[in-house]
Protein backbone atom coordinates (compact mmCIF):
# COMPACT_ATOMS: atom_id res chain seq x y z
CA MET A 1 102.26 88.26 155.95
CA SER A 2 100.84 88.07 159.48
CA ALA A 3 98.32 90.62 160.69
CA ARG A 4 100.75 91.86 163.36
CA ARG A 5 103.56 92.41 160.88
CA ALA A 6 101.20 94.19 158.48
CA LEU A 7 100.04 96.44 161.33
CA VAL A 8 103.63 97.29 162.30
CA LEU A 9 104.65 98.04 158.72
CA GLY A 10 101.52 100.13 158.24
CA GLY A 11 102.34 102.13 161.36
CA VAL A 12 105.90 102.71 160.13
CA GLY A 13 104.54 103.90 156.79
CA VAL A 14 102.20 106.37 158.49
CA LEU A 15 105.02 107.66 160.72
CA VAL A 16 107.36 108.18 157.76
CA THR A 17 104.59 110.04 155.91
CA LEU A 18 103.93 112.34 158.88
CA ILE A 19 107.65 113.10 159.28
CA ALA A 20 107.97 113.87 155.56
CA TRP A 21 104.87 116.08 155.77
CA GLU A 22 106.37 118.03 158.69
CA VAL A 23 109.73 118.47 156.95
CA VAL A 24 108.20 119.65 153.67
CA GLY A 25 105.76 121.96 155.50
CA ARG A 26 108.62 123.66 157.32
CA SER A 27 110.91 123.88 154.32
CA ALA A 28 111.06 126.48 151.58
CA PHE A 29 109.50 124.09 149.05
CA ALA A 30 105.93 125.07 149.95
CA PRO A 31 104.40 128.19 151.55
CA PRO A 32 103.23 127.34 155.12
CA ALA A 33 99.87 129.01 154.41
CA LEU A 34 99.22 126.62 151.53
CA PHE A 35 100.90 123.50 152.92
CA PRO A 36 101.01 123.77 156.72
CA PRO A 37 103.20 121.27 158.60
CA VAL A 38 101.48 118.41 160.37
CA SER A 39 102.12 119.99 163.79
CA ARG A 40 100.12 123.06 162.77
CA VAL A 41 97.34 120.89 161.36
CA ALA A 42 97.25 118.91 164.61
CA ALA A 43 97.03 122.14 166.66
CA ALA A 44 94.16 123.43 164.51
CA THR A 45 92.39 120.09 164.81
CA ALA A 46 92.78 120.17 168.59
CA VAL A 47 91.08 123.59 168.70
CA TYR A 48 88.37 122.23 166.39
CA ALA A 49 87.81 119.29 168.73
CA ALA A 50 87.84 121.44 171.90
CA SER A 51 85.07 123.63 170.49
CA GLY A 52 82.74 120.61 170.26
CA GLU A 53 82.27 121.10 166.51
CA LEU A 54 84.40 118.08 165.62
CA LEU A 55 82.18 115.64 167.51
CA ARG A 56 79.04 117.20 166.01
CA ASP A 57 80.41 117.07 162.46
CA LEU A 58 81.89 113.60 162.90
CA LEU A 59 78.64 112.08 164.16
CA ALA A 60 76.62 113.74 161.38
CA SER A 61 78.92 112.56 158.59
CA VAL A 62 79.37 109.02 159.91
CA TRP A 63 75.62 108.59 160.39
CA ARG A 64 74.89 109.74 156.85
CA ALA A 65 77.64 107.58 155.35
CA LEU A 66 76.63 104.42 157.22
CA ALA A 67 72.91 104.92 156.58
CA GLY A 68 73.52 105.39 152.87
CA LEU A 69 75.94 102.46 152.83
CA ALA A 70 73.45 100.13 154.50
CA ILE A 71 70.51 101.09 152.28
CA GLY A 72 72.52 101.06 149.05
CA SER A 73 74.25 97.77 149.87
CA ILE A 74 71.03 95.93 150.74
CA ALA A 75 69.37 97.22 147.57
CA GLY A 76 72.46 96.41 145.49
CA VAL A 77 72.73 92.83 146.73
CA SER A 78 69.00 92.24 146.24
CA ALA A 79 69.03 93.67 142.71
CA GLY A 80 72.23 91.80 141.83
CA LEU A 81 70.80 88.47 142.88
CA ALA A 82 67.65 89.18 140.88
CA THR A 83 69.42 90.23 137.67
CA GLY A 84 72.06 87.55 138.02
CA ARG A 85 69.61 84.73 138.64
CA ILE A 86 66.40 85.63 136.78
CA ALA A 87 66.80 86.10 133.02
CA VAL A 88 63.61 88.15 132.58
CA VAL A 89 64.60 90.60 135.30
CA ARG A 90 68.11 90.83 133.85
CA ASP A 91 66.82 91.59 130.34
CA LEU A 92 64.39 94.23 131.63
CA ALA A 93 66.41 95.95 134.32
CA SER A 94 70.07 95.67 133.31
CA PRO A 95 69.93 98.14 130.35
CA VAL A 96 68.21 100.76 132.51
CA LEU A 97 70.54 100.28 135.48
CA ASN A 98 73.63 100.33 133.28
CA GLY A 99 72.40 103.55 131.69
CA ILE A 100 71.97 105.23 135.08
CA ARG A 101 75.28 103.78 136.27
CA ALA A 102 77.04 105.66 133.48
CA LEU A 103 76.03 108.96 135.10
CA PRO A 104 78.48 110.36 137.67
CA PRO A 105 76.83 110.12 141.12
CA VAL A 106 77.72 113.77 141.73
CA ALA A 107 75.66 114.78 138.69
CA LEU A 108 72.50 113.41 140.31
CA ILE A 109 72.80 115.56 143.45
CA PRO A 110 71.08 118.65 141.96
CA LEU A 111 68.13 116.51 140.90
CA ILE A 112 67.98 114.86 144.34
CA ILE A 113 67.96 118.29 145.97
CA VAL A 114 65.07 119.37 143.73
CA TRP A 115 63.07 116.29 144.69
CA TRP A 116 64.00 115.83 148.36
CA GLY A 117 65.44 119.17 149.48
CA ILE A 118 68.71 119.70 151.34
CA GLY A 119 68.05 117.75 154.54
CA ASN A 120 69.49 114.46 155.74
CA GLU A 121 67.06 112.48 153.59
CA ALA A 122 68.55 113.88 150.37
CA LYS A 123 72.10 113.21 151.54
CA VAL A 124 71.36 109.60 152.50
CA ILE A 125 69.59 109.02 149.18
CA SER A 126 72.53 110.40 147.19
CA ILE A 127 74.96 108.17 149.09
CA SER A 128 72.66 105.15 148.68
CA LEU A 129 72.46 105.65 144.92
CA ALA A 130 76.23 105.90 144.59
CA VAL A 131 76.76 102.80 146.74
CA PHE A 132 74.07 100.77 144.97
CA PHE A 133 75.81 100.38 141.62
CA PRO A 134 79.18 98.85 142.59
CA VAL A 135 77.41 96.42 144.91
CA TRP A 136 74.85 95.56 142.24
CA VAL A 137 77.49 94.95 139.55
CA SER A 138 79.60 92.77 141.86
CA THR A 139 76.63 90.72 143.06
CA ASP A 140 75.30 90.33 139.53
CA GLU A 141 78.68 89.07 138.31
CA GLY A 142 78.92 86.67 141.24
CA ALA A 143 75.46 85.24 140.64
CA ARG A 144 76.09 84.84 136.91
CA ASN A 145 79.50 83.22 137.28
CA LEU A 146 78.42 80.68 139.87
CA ALA A 147 79.19 77.17 138.68
CA ARG A 148 75.97 75.65 137.33
CA ALA A 149 76.85 72.32 138.86
CA TYR A 150 75.99 73.72 142.30
CA VAL A 151 72.54 74.80 141.15
CA TRP A 152 71.96 71.50 139.35
CA ALA A 153 72.96 69.55 142.46
CA ALA A 154 70.61 71.57 144.66
CA THR A 155 67.78 71.16 142.16
CA ALA A 156 68.39 67.40 141.95
CA HIS A 157 68.02 67.22 145.74
CA GLY A 158 64.64 68.95 145.57
CA ALA A 159 65.65 72.45 146.70
CA SER A 160 63.12 75.18 145.99
CA GLU A 161 63.99 78.40 144.14
CA SER A 162 64.21 80.36 147.38
CA GLU A 163 66.48 77.71 148.92
CA ILE A 164 68.72 77.77 145.85
CA LEU A 165 68.88 81.56 146.00
CA PHE A 166 69.73 81.90 149.68
CA ARG A 167 71.67 78.68 150.28
CA VAL A 168 73.54 78.29 146.99
CA VAL A 169 73.62 81.47 144.89
CA LEU A 170 74.11 83.97 147.72
CA PRO A 171 76.95 82.07 149.44
CA GLY A 172 78.59 81.37 146.09
CA SER A 173 78.48 85.07 145.20
CA LEU A 174 80.03 86.25 148.47
CA PRO A 175 83.59 86.82 147.12
CA PHE A 176 82.16 89.19 144.52
CA ILE A 177 79.83 90.85 147.02
CA VAL A 178 82.72 91.48 149.43
CA ALA A 179 84.68 93.26 146.67
CA GLY A 180 81.68 95.43 145.90
CA LEU A 181 81.09 96.25 149.56
CA ARG A 182 84.67 97.38 150.10
CA ASN A 183 84.41 99.68 147.10
CA ALA A 184 81.09 100.92 148.44
CA VAL A 185 82.58 101.83 151.83
CA ALA A 186 85.10 104.18 150.24
CA LEU A 187 82.48 105.60 147.88
CA SER A 188 80.07 106.31 150.74
CA PHE A 189 82.60 108.62 152.40
CA VAL A 190 83.38 110.31 149.10
CA MET A 191 79.69 110.99 148.61
CA VAL A 192 79.09 112.18 152.17
CA PHE A 193 81.68 114.88 151.52
CA VAL A 194 80.09 115.88 148.21
CA SER A 195 76.54 115.84 149.57
CA GLU A 196 77.50 118.05 152.51
CA LEU A 197 78.81 120.76 150.19
CA ALA A 198 75.22 121.60 149.21
CA GLY A 199 72.97 123.02 151.91
CA ALA A 200 74.51 121.35 154.97
CA SER A 201 74.96 123.06 158.32
CA ASN A 202 77.17 120.36 159.84
CA GLY A 203 79.37 117.45 158.84
CA LEU A 204 83.00 117.06 157.86
CA GLY A 205 82.28 118.04 154.25
CA TYR A 206 80.60 121.22 155.45
CA GLN A 207 83.57 121.99 157.71
CA ILE A 208 86.02 121.46 154.83
CA ALA A 209 84.05 123.85 152.62
CA VAL A 210 83.82 126.53 155.35
CA SER A 211 87.54 126.22 156.15
CA HIS A 212 88.33 126.62 152.47
CA LEU A 213 86.30 129.82 152.25
CA ALA A 214 88.02 131.16 155.38
CA TYR A 215 91.42 130.16 153.98
CA ARG A 216 92.05 127.96 157.02
CA ILE A 217 94.07 125.32 155.20
CA ASP A 218 95.31 123.80 158.47
CA ARG A 219 91.76 123.19 159.71
CA MET A 220 90.65 121.99 156.27
CA MET A 221 93.49 119.44 156.12
CA GLY A 222 92.63 118.26 159.63
CA ALA A 223 89.00 117.64 158.61
CA LEU A 224 90.20 115.85 155.47
CA ALA A 225 92.48 113.62 157.53
CA ILE A 226 89.60 112.76 159.88
CA LEU A 227 87.35 111.94 156.92
CA ALA A 228 90.03 109.65 155.49
CA LEU A 229 90.50 108.02 158.88
CA CYS A 230 86.76 107.36 159.14
CA ALA A 231 86.78 105.63 155.75
CA ALA A 232 89.82 103.53 156.72
CA VAL A 233 88.26 102.51 160.05
CA ALA A 234 84.96 101.62 158.34
CA ASP A 235 86.80 99.44 155.81
CA ALA A 236 88.83 97.75 158.56
CA ALA A 237 85.65 97.12 160.57
CA LEU A 238 83.96 95.58 157.53
CA VAL A 239 86.95 93.30 156.87
CA TRP A 240 87.07 92.29 160.55
CA CYS A 241 83.36 91.40 160.57
CA LEU A 242 83.63 89.47 157.31
CA ARG A 243 86.64 87.50 158.56
CA ARG A 244 84.70 86.49 161.66
CA ALA A 245 81.54 85.59 159.75
CA PHE A 246 83.20 84.04 156.65
CA PRO A 247 86.79 83.11 157.51
CA TRP A 248 87.36 81.33 154.20
CA LEU A 249 86.77 84.52 152.19
CA LEU A 250 89.55 86.74 153.53
CA PRO A 251 92.97 85.40 154.57
C-alpha cells in the first residue's frame, strides 16, 4: 500500500470515527454530560486554547516526554549492546534489570518523588525509567541474535572490538532497536500523563486531572485527544526520520 493511499484511508477512518462520536453523543444512548459530542469537545478545546493554557500545557508535556524518551532510549541502547555483546555484563546485569523490569513503572513514581521531589527532574526520570526497559530488551535481543558470521568476518579482517560493536553489532541490531523505540514513544506519553498527576502545576496530564475534578468531561476529552495526537505525531516523526536515515528498515 502506498503512503498516499494509507494517508487517505487513515483520514477516512478518522472522519468516520468523529461522525460516529457526534451521533452517539447527541443520541439517547449516552448522557451528554458523560459522553459529550465531538462538537462540544471541540468548543471546549477552543476555549482552552484561547486562554493560553493549552500552549503552556502542551509545551510542558512534550518537553518532558521527549527528554525522558531521549535519555531512556540512549541508556537502553547502550545497556542492550553491553548485555547482548559482553557475556560478563549480561550475567551480572540482566537478572537485576529483569527484576526491576517486572515492576510496573507507575509503582516507582512514589519512590522517585521521595528521592527527587515533584519537579520536572522527577517527571523526566520516571519517563526515562519506563522507556529504558523496552529499548534495552529490544537492543539486547538484536545484539544476541545477530548472525555470528558477521562478527567472525569482521574479526578475520582485523576489526577491533569497538569497530565490531559500532559497525557490525549496532547496524545489525537496528530492526530490533526500531521496534523498541516505537514502543518507547507511546510509553513516554503514557508516563508523562501519569507523572503529571502527582504534584504538577501544568501539563496535559495535570489539565486532565483538574478537568476530571471539575466534572468538565468535554475539556478532559479534548486534552486526552491532544495527548493522543502528540503521541501519534511523535511516532510518525520517528518513522519518517528512520526511513530517511535507514531506508531498508521500513518499507
